[in-house]
Protein backbone atom coordinates (compact mmCIF):
# COMPACT_ATOMS: atom_id res chain seq x y z
CA UNK A 1 -11.37 3.78 -7.32
CA UNK A 2 -11.71 6.64 -4.85
CA UNK A 3 -8.72 8.86 -3.98
CA UNK A 4 -8.87 7.69 -0.35
CA UNK A 5 -8.80 4.03 -1.39
CA UNK A 6 -5.91 4.80 -3.71
CA UNK A 7 -3.91 6.48 -0.95
CA UNK A 8 -4.54 3.54 1.39
CA UNK A 9 -3.27 1.13 -1.28
CA UNK A 10 0.04 3.01 -1.57
CA UNK A 11 1.14 1.49 1.73
CA UNK A 12 1.54 -1.86 -0.04
CA UNK A 13 4.33 -0.65 -2.29
CA UNK A 14 7.98 -0.01 -1.44
CA UNK A 15 8.94 2.90 -3.69
CA UNK A 16 6.21 5.42 -4.43
CA UNK A 17 6.86 8.75 -6.13
CA UNK A 18 4.97 11.93 -5.27
CA UNK A 19 4.03 11.93 -8.96
CA UNK A 20 1.80 8.93 -8.28
CA UNK A 21 -0.46 10.84 -5.88
CA UNK A 22 -3.71 12.75 -6.42
CA UNK A 23 -2.02 15.82 -4.91
CA UNK A 24 0.54 16.10 -7.70
CA UNK A 25 -2.11 15.34 -10.32
CA UNK A 26 -4.14 18.27 -8.95
CA UNK A 27 -1.06 20.50 -9.09
CA UNK A 28 -0.48 19.62 -12.76
CA UNK A 29 -4.04 20.13 -14.01
CA UNK A 30 -3.01 23.13 -16.13
CA UNK A 31 -1.12 20.74 -18.43
CA UNK A 32 -3.11 17.55 -17.75
CA UNK A 33 -6.66 18.71 -16.89
CA UNK A 34 -8.13 15.30 -16.01
CA UNK A 35 -6.87 12.38 -13.99
CA UNK A 36 -8.22 9.19 -12.45
CA UNK A 37 -6.88 6.78 -9.79
CA UNK A 38 -7.28 3.19 -11.01
CA UNK A 39 -6.62 -0.27 -9.62
CA UNK A 40 -5.99 -3.74 -11.03
CA UNK A 41 -7.96 -6.38 -9.14
CA UNK A 42 -7.64 -10.17 -8.98
CA UNK A 43 -9.72 -12.22 -6.54
CA UNK A 44 -9.60 -10.06 -3.44
CA UNK A 45 -11.08 -6.71 -2.50
CA UNK A 46 -7.70 -4.97 -2.50
CA UNK A 47 -5.99 -3.93 -5.74
CA UNK A 48 -2.84 -5.78 -6.76
CA UNK A 49 -1.61 -2.74 -8.74
CA UNK A 50 -2.58 0.92 -8.92
CA UNK A 51 -1.87 4.04 -10.95
CA UNK A 52 -2.72 7.70 -11.32
CA UNK A 53 -3.53 8.22 -15.01
CA UNK A 54 -3.50 11.81 -16.26
CA UNK A 55 -5.30 12.90 -19.43
CA UNK A 56 -4.96 15.63 -22.02
CA UNK A 57 -7.85 16.04 -24.47
CA UNK A 58 -7.20 16.31 -28.20
CA UNK A 59 -8.66 19.72 -29.21
CA UNK A 60 -12.01 19.50 -30.99
CA UNK A 61 -12.50 15.81 -30.22
CA UNK A 62 -13.48 13.47 -27.40
CA UNK A 63 -10.18 11.62 -27.74
CA UNK A 64 -7.49 11.86 -25.09
CA UNK A 65 -3.80 11.20 -24.56
CA UNK A 66 -2.82 9.54 -21.28
CA UNK A 67 0.24 9.87 -19.06
CA UNK A 68 1.36 7.62 -16.18
CA UNK A 69 4.36 9.31 -14.51
CA UNK A 70 6.58 7.06 -12.39
CA UNK A 71 4.01 4.30 -12.51
CA UNK A 72 2.04 2.11 -12.52
CA UNK A 73 2.74 0.80 -9.04
CA UNK A 74 3.15 -2.90 -9.71
CA UNK A 75 5.03 -5.70 -7.99
CA UNK A 76 7.19 -6.06 -11.09
CA UNK A 77 9.15 -9.02 -9.70
CA UNK A 78 6.07 -11.20 -9.21
CA UNK A 79 3.34 -9.81 -11.47
CA UNK A 80 2.17 -11.22 -14.80
CA UNK A 81 3.47 -8.19 -16.69
CA UNK A 82 1.91 -9.08 -20.04
CA UNK A 83 -1.51 -9.51 -18.46
CA UNK A 84 -1.25 -6.23 -16.53
CA UNK A 85 -0.23 -4.26 -19.63
CA UNK A 86 -3.02 -5.87 -21.64
CA UNK A 87 -5.55 -4.90 -18.97
CA UNK A 88 -4.23 -1.33 -19.01
CA UNK A 89 -4.61 -1.12 -22.79
CA UNK A 90 -8.19 -2.39 -22.64
CA UNK A 91 -9.06 0.22 -20.01
CA UNK A 92 -7.56 3.02 -22.06
CA UNK A 93 -9.27 1.90 -25.27
CA UNK A 94 -12.62 1.99 -23.46
CA UNK A 95 -11.92 5.56 -22.34
CA UNK A 96 -11.22 7.20 -25.74
CA UNK A 97 -7.44 7.22 -25.35
CA UNK A 98 -5.38 7.39 -28.57
CA UNK A 99 -2.03 6.75 -26.89
CA UNK A 100 -0.31 6.64 -23.53
CA UNK A 101 3.09 7.62 -22.16
CA UNK A 102 4.39 5.63 -19.21
CA UNK A 103 7.48 5.98 -17.02
CA UNK A 104 7.93 2.86 -14.89
CA UNK A 105 9.58 3.74 -11.58
CA UNK A 106 12.13 0.98 -12.00
CA UNK A 107 15.92 1.15 -12.04
CA UNK A 108 17.47 -0.58 -15.05
CA UNK A 109 21.16 -0.19 -14.20
CA UNK A 110 23.19 1.02 -11.21
CA UNK A 111 26.70 2.41 -11.07
CA UNK A 112 28.10 2.44 -7.56
CA UNK A 113 29.62 5.66 -6.30
CA UNK A 114 33.19 4.35 -6.58
CA UNK A 115 32.58 3.36 -10.20
CA UNK A 116 31.33 6.82 -11.14
CA UNK A 117 34.22 8.51 -9.30
CA UNK A 118 36.67 6.40 -11.25
CA UNK A 119 34.85 7.21 -14.49
CA UNK A 120 35.07 10.93 -13.86
CA UNK A 121 38.84 10.57 -13.66
CA UNK A 122 38.99 8.62 -16.93
CA UNK A 123 39.24 10.87 -20.02
CA UNK A 124 37.71 8.27 -22.37
CA UNK A 125 34.57 7.95 -20.24
CA UNK A 126 32.12 10.41 -21.81
CA UNK A 127 28.79 8.80 -20.93
CA UNK A 128 27.46 6.37 -18.34
CA UNK A 129 27.37 3.62 -20.98
CA UNK A 130 31.18 3.88 -21.13
CA UNK A 131 31.26 2.46 -17.60
CA UNK A 132 30.40 -1.15 -16.78
CA UNK A 133 27.34 -1.12 -14.49
CA UNK A 134 27.69 -2.70 -11.06
CA UNK A 135 24.14 -4.08 -11.29
CA UNK A 136 21.66 -4.69 -14.10
CA UNK A 137 18.08 -5.37 -13.05
CA UNK A 138 16.76 -8.55 -14.76
CA UNK A 139 13.16 -7.56 -14.04
CA UNK A 140 13.65 -4.27 -15.86
CA UNK A 141 15.21 -6.08 -18.83
CA UNK A 142 12.22 -8.42 -18.93
CA UNK A 143 9.80 -5.49 -18.77
CA UNK A 144 11.57 -3.76 -21.68
CA UNK A 145 11.33 -6.91 -23.81
CA UNK A 146 7.63 -7.41 -23.04
CA UNK A 147 6.80 -3.77 -23.74
CA UNK A 148 8.59 -3.85 -27.10
CA UNK A 149 6.80 -7.06 -28.06
CA UNK A 150 3.49 -5.44 -27.04
CA UNK A 151 3.92 -2.42 -29.32
CA UNK A 152 5.36 0.08 -26.84
CA UNK A 153 7.94 2.54 -28.20
CA UNK A 154 10.90 3.67 -26.12
CA UNK A 155 11.30 7.44 -26.30
CA UNK A 156 14.85 8.71 -26.60
CA UNK A 157 14.16 12.04 -24.88
CA UNK A 158 11.43 13.63 -22.74
CA UNK A 159 8.74 15.51 -24.63
CA UNK A 160 7.56 17.69 -21.75
CA UNK A 161 8.70 21.28 -21.32
CA UNK A 162 8.30 21.02 -17.52
CA UNK A 163 10.84 18.57 -16.15
CA UNK A 164 8.94 15.74 -14.49
CA UNK A 165 11.48 13.00 -14.79
CA UNK A 166 14.99 11.99 -15.85
CA UNK A 167 16.45 8.77 -17.20
CA UNK A 168 19.62 9.15 -15.13
CA UNK A 169 19.25 9.89 -11.43
CA UNK A 170 21.45 9.80 -8.36
CA UNK A 171 20.26 8.04 -5.19
CA UNK A 172 21.89 8.40 -1.81
CA UNK A 173 21.47 5.34 0.40
CA UNK A 174 20.35 6.22 3.94
CA UNK A 175 19.23 2.81 5.18
CA UNK A 176 20.94 1.61 8.37
CA UNK A 177 23.43 4.49 8.16
CA UNK A 178 24.30 7.28 10.56
CA UNK A 179 25.24 10.83 9.67
CA UNK A 180 28.88 9.94 10.29
CA UNK A 181 28.59 6.99 7.90
CA UNK A 182 27.22 9.23 5.16
CA UNK A 183 29.79 11.95 5.75
CA UNK A 184 32.55 9.35 5.51
CA UNK A 185 31.24 8.32 2.08
CA UNK A 186 31.45 11.88 0.74
CA UNK A 187 34.44 13.38 -0.99
CA UNK A 188 36.50 15.39 1.49
CA UNK A 189 35.98 18.59 -0.54
CA UNK A 190 32.18 18.17 -0.38
CA UNK A 191 32.34 17.74 3.41
CA UNK A 192 34.63 20.73 3.77
CA UNK A 193 32.35 22.96 1.70
CA UNK A 194 29.29 21.98 3.77
CA UNK A 195 31.09 22.88 6.99
CA UNK A 196 32.54 26.02 5.42
CA UNK A 197 29.03 27.26 4.55
CA UNK A 198 28.05 26.98 8.20
CA UNK A 199 31.19 28.79 9.36
CA UNK A 200 30.59 31.59 6.83
CA UNK A 201 27.15 32.18 8.32
CA UNK A 202 24.85 30.43 5.84
CA UNK A 203 21.58 29.60 7.62
CA UNK A 204 19.12 26.89 6.55
CA UNK A 205 15.44 27.56 7.20
CA UNK A 206 12.08 26.13 6.29
CA UNK A 207 10.21 28.26 3.76
CA UNK A 208 6.45 28.63 3.36
CA UNK A 209 4.11 29.44 0.54
CA UNK A 210 4.57 33.11 1.44
CA UNK A 211 8.11 32.76 0.06
CA UNK A 212 7.00 31.50 -3.36
CA UNK A 213 8.03 34.69 -5.19
CA UNK A 214 11.59 34.44 -3.86
CA UNK A 215 11.76 30.79 -4.86
CA UNK A 216 10.47 31.46 -8.37
CA UNK A 217 12.91 34.31 -8.98
CA UNK A 218 15.86 32.16 -7.91
CA UNK A 219 14.60 29.20 -9.97
CA UNK A 220 14.20 31.40 -13.05
CA UNK A 221 17.72 32.74 -12.62
CA UNK A 222 19.03 29.17 -12.31
CA UNK A 223 17.10 28.02 -15.39
CA UNK A 224 18.29 30.92 -17.51
CA UNK A 225 21.86 30.28 -16.46
CA UNK A 226 21.73 26.53 -17.14
CA UNK A 227 19.44 26.48 -20.17
CA UNK A 228 16.39 24.65 -18.82
CA UNK A 229 12.75 25.74 -18.94
CA UNK A 230 11.58 27.86 -16.04
CA UNK A 231 8.24 27.74 -14.24
CA UNK A 232 5.77 30.42 -13.21
CA UNK A 233 4.94 31.67 -9.73
CA UNK A 234 1.43 30.28 -10.18
CA UNK A 235 2.91 26.83 -10.88
CA UNK A 236 4.92 26.83 -7.65
CA UNK A 237 2.06 28.28 -5.60
CA UNK A 238 -0.29 25.55 -6.87
CA UNK A 239 2.32 22.86 -6.26
CA UNK A 240 3.01 24.03 -2.70
CA UNK A 241 -0.71 24.27 -1.92
CA UNK A 242 -1.56 20.72 -2.99
CA UNK A 243 1.57 18.94 -1.74
CA UNK A 244 1.56 20.75 1.61
CA UNK A 245 -2.08 19.76 2.17
CA UNK A 246 -1.63 16.22 0.89
CA UNK A 247 1.76 15.42 2.39
CA UNK A 248 1.90 17.35 5.67
CA UNK A 249 5.41 17.30 7.05
CA UNK A 250 6.62 15.27 4.09
CA UNK A 251 6.73 18.09 1.56
CA UNK A 252 9.25 20.74 2.55
CA UNK A 253 10.99 23.73 1.04
CA UNK A 254 14.32 24.83 2.47
CA UNK A 255 16.15 28.10 1.88
CA UNK A 256 19.85 28.77 2.38
CA UNK A 257 20.21 32.41 3.46
CA UNK A 258 23.18 34.65 4.04
CA UNK A 259 22.52 38.02 5.64
CA UNK A 260 18.87 37.60 4.75
CA UNK A 261 19.51 36.95 1.06
CA UNK A 262 18.35 33.64 -0.48
CA UNK A 263 21.36 31.88 -2.03
CA UNK A 264 19.85 28.44 -2.50
CA UNK A 265 16.55 26.60 -2.29
CA UNK A 266 15.22 23.07 -2.69
CA UNK A 267 11.84 21.34 -2.49
CA UNK A 268 11.56 17.74 -1.28
CA UNK A 269 8.68 15.26 -1.13
CA UNK A 270 8.43 11.85 0.52
CA UNK A 271 5.54 9.42 0.07
CA UNK A 272 7.26 6.14 0.95
CA UNK A 273 10.74 5.32 2.22
CA UNK A 274 12.34 7.26 -0.66
CA UNK A 275 12.50 11.06 -0.53
CA UNK A 276 12.69 12.94 -3.83
CA UNK A 277 14.24 16.27 -4.66
CA UNK A 278 11.72 18.10 -6.88
CA UNK A 279 13.29 21.48 -7.68
CA UNK A 280 16.60 23.06 -6.76
CA UNK A 281 17.82 26.61 -7.37
CA UNK A 282 21.08 28.38 -6.56
CA UNK A 283 22.61 31.83 -6.75
CA UNK A 284 26.17 31.73 -8.08
CA UNK A 285 27.08 35.37 -7.50
CA UNK A 286 28.78 34.41 -4.22
CA UNK A 287 30.12 30.89 -4.88
CA UNK A 288 32.40 30.75 -1.82
CA UNK A 289 29.32 30.42 0.40
CA UNK A 290 28.49 26.90 -0.92
CA UNK A 291 24.72 27.08 -0.22
CA UNK A 292 23.96 23.83 -2.06
CA UNK A 293 26.24 21.79 0.19
CA UNK A 294 24.62 23.31 3.27
CA UNK A 295 21.10 22.63 1.93
CA UNK A 296 21.69 18.98 1.09
CA UNK A 297 23.41 18.25 4.39
CA UNK A 298 20.42 19.74 6.24
CA UNK A 299 18.06 17.58 4.16
CA UNK A 300 20.11 14.46 4.86
CA UNK A 301 19.88 15.11 8.61
CA UNK A 302 16.13 15.63 8.37
CA UNK A 303 15.56 12.45 6.36
CA UNK A 304 17.71 10.38 8.72
CA UNK A 305 15.60 11.60 11.64
CA UNK A 306 12.43 10.60 9.74
CA UNK A 307 13.71 7.10 8.96
CA UNK A 308 13.88 7.53 5.18
CA UNK A 309 15.84 4.78 3.42
CA UNK A 310 17.02 6.67 0.34
CA UNK A 311 17.24 10.17 -1.07
CA UNK A 312 16.61 10.66 -4.78
CA UNK A 313 18.74 13.67 -5.69
CA UNK A 314 17.08 14.15 -9.06
CA UNK A 315 18.06 13.76 -12.67
CA UNK A 316 21.29 14.55 -14.47
CA UNK A 317 22.39 14.61 -18.08
CA UNK A 318 24.23 11.61 -19.48
CA UNK A 319 27.61 13.31 -19.41
CA UNK A 320 30.85 12.51 -17.63
CA UNK A 321 33.40 14.54 -19.61
CA UNK A 322 34.61 17.68 -17.89
CA UNK A 323 33.99 19.71 -21.06
CA UNK A 324 30.37 18.56 -21.36
CA UNK A 325 27.50 20.75 -20.19
CA UNK A 326 25.90 19.28 -17.08
CA UNK A 327 28.92 17.29 -15.94
CA UNK A 328 29.38 19.62 -12.98
CA UNK A 329 26.09 18.43 -11.50
CA UNK A 330 27.13 14.81 -12.03
CA UNK A 331 30.35 15.51 -10.17
CA UNK A 332 28.56 17.34 -7.33
CA UNK A 333 26.15 14.45 -6.71
CA UNK A 334 28.91 11.88 -7.04
CA UNK A 335 31.04 13.69 -4.46
CA UNK A 336 28.02 13.61 -2.15
CA UNK A 337 28.43 9.83 -2.09
CA UNK A 338 25.37 8.88 -4.18
CA UNK A 339 25.05 6.03 -6.69
CA UNK A 340 23.97 6.63 -10.30
CA UNK A 341 20.89 4.86 -11.69
CA UNK A 342 19.50 4.55 -15.18
CA UNK A 343 15.72 4.23 -15.05
CA UNK A 344 13.40 2.70 -17.61
CA UNK A 345 12.70 6.09 -19.15
CA UNK A 346 9.65 7.11 -21.16
CA UNK A 347 7.64 4.63 -23.23
CA UNK A 348 4.61 5.29 -25.42
CA UNK A 349 1.91 2.99 -26.75
CA UNK A 350 0.01 4.14 -29.87
CA UNK A 351 -3.55 2.86 -29.45
CA UNK A 352 -5.00 4.74 -32.44
CA UNK A 353 -1.84 5.03 -34.59
CA UNK A 354 -2.85 7.77 -37.05
CA UNK A 355 -4.33 10.10 -34.44
CA UNK A 356 -1.42 9.34 -32.12
CA UNK A 357 1.10 10.26 -34.84
CA UNK A 358 -0.60 13.60 -35.53
CA UNK A 359 -0.77 14.40 -31.82
CA UNK A 360 2.89 13.43 -31.28
CA UNK A 361 4.02 15.84 -33.99
CA UNK A 362 1.94 18.70 -32.54
CA UNK A 363 3.13 18.39 -28.93
CA UNK A 364 6.75 19.56 -29.42
CA UNK A 365 5.57 22.75 -31.14
CA UNK A 366 3.09 23.39 -28.32
CA UNK A 367 5.77 22.84 -25.67
CA UNK A 368 8.26 25.07 -27.47
CA UNK A 369 5.69 27.88 -27.55
CA UNK A 370 4.90 27.35 -23.84
CA UNK A 371 8.59 27.53 -22.91
CA UNK A 372 8.83 30.94 -24.59
CA UNK A 373 5.51 32.37 -23.44
CA UNK A 374 5.36 31.20 -19.78
CA UNK A 375 8.41 33.21 -18.58
CA UNK A 376 7.03 36.33 -20.29
CA UNK A 377 3.65 35.87 -18.61
CA UNK A 378 5.34 35.31 -15.24
CA UNK A 379 7.36 38.53 -15.63
CA UNK A 380 4.25 40.48 -16.63
CA UNK A 381 2.36 39.11 -13.64
CA UNK A 382 5.12 40.15 -11.22
CA UNK A 383 5.25 43.63 -12.77
CA UNK A 384 1.47 44.01 -12.58
CA UNK A 385 1.41 42.96 -8.93
CA UNK A 386 3.83 45.79 -8.07
CA UNK A 387 1.89 48.58 -9.74
CA UNK A 388 0.03 50.97 -7.44
CA UNK A 389 -3.57 49.98 -6.84
CA UNK A 390 -4.78 53.22 -8.47
CA UNK A 391 -2.91 52.43 -11.70
CA UNK A 392 -4.63 49.04 -11.88
CA UNK A 393 -8.14 50.43 -11.31
CA UNK A 394 -10.63 49.93 -14.12
CA UNK A 395 -11.03 53.42 -15.70
CA UNK A 396 -14.73 52.77 -16.32
């Protein structure tokens, strides 16, 4: 299946993540060097399902491990799921794949905003599972049962150093709503802080790839402060290059500035009717400015003008207790008026069990080394770029 045919087919599906595009696959080739767009076909010329499958080769062999992030794109409500998964396995077996990780882009449970707000006020509510969901998706439950019966293994935690996905996400509904409607659904403190940022002189502006160094520095500071893995300048430059070219006008980076200084930044991509927050970074040295509130309100206005139906605010940890790390982000997104969703999460299928087991044990060590080495390399690269040209000249 050609990339152009794949992109055309995306129009048939309601919710499509930027991770299921050739542009993101190109941006992630450092970690997943090969990828292929594939389609499932029935009787007609058009595919009934599609996916971007990324590959990582097992060193010293022809065998590969496969990854399908936020896919495949399947009409889960009407498809023969068992048949589609069986066809996928046969394709992977024929292409020297020892195992595959898949993250279906499918919500399993939803907690409405009011339910989460009430839970945050309840001391005994420590995790989302302590709250009764407002909706449980029967299709997702069926998919889980079929995958387990077919030999798929549900992974309890992500294995990737670079954060590509989260089990728990917050989605803000934009469909058939005005800005006033959305503001009314926010907590009054959240609204006040957004307006306060504007009064204090915080300005929101579109950034370009020329601003990548500023973004990376702020993201690294945010990661170090919050204990998540940071990413290199080269990573962000590659990401911006491919997504800007592939999604013109639908991949944006916004900065919140005060007196010229970057206090907050966020990147957003939209392929279908759902927009997704990819990366967010904030400076907390001047918390009274509330740059995050100003950034998200600007994004909401932009997405409303574009006709987006929902805004995926990104993942959070499964924590509701005030004393739990990460609960502040849960509270922030709840006060924005968003609903909490539990997605299907990561599943893996061992196709060649022994080789798969050896590979699975090696990956965490590799990722741990990458998380330590990448920030050092990024710092060295920034230092080298600032040295005088004469000092960098080859002495020979």
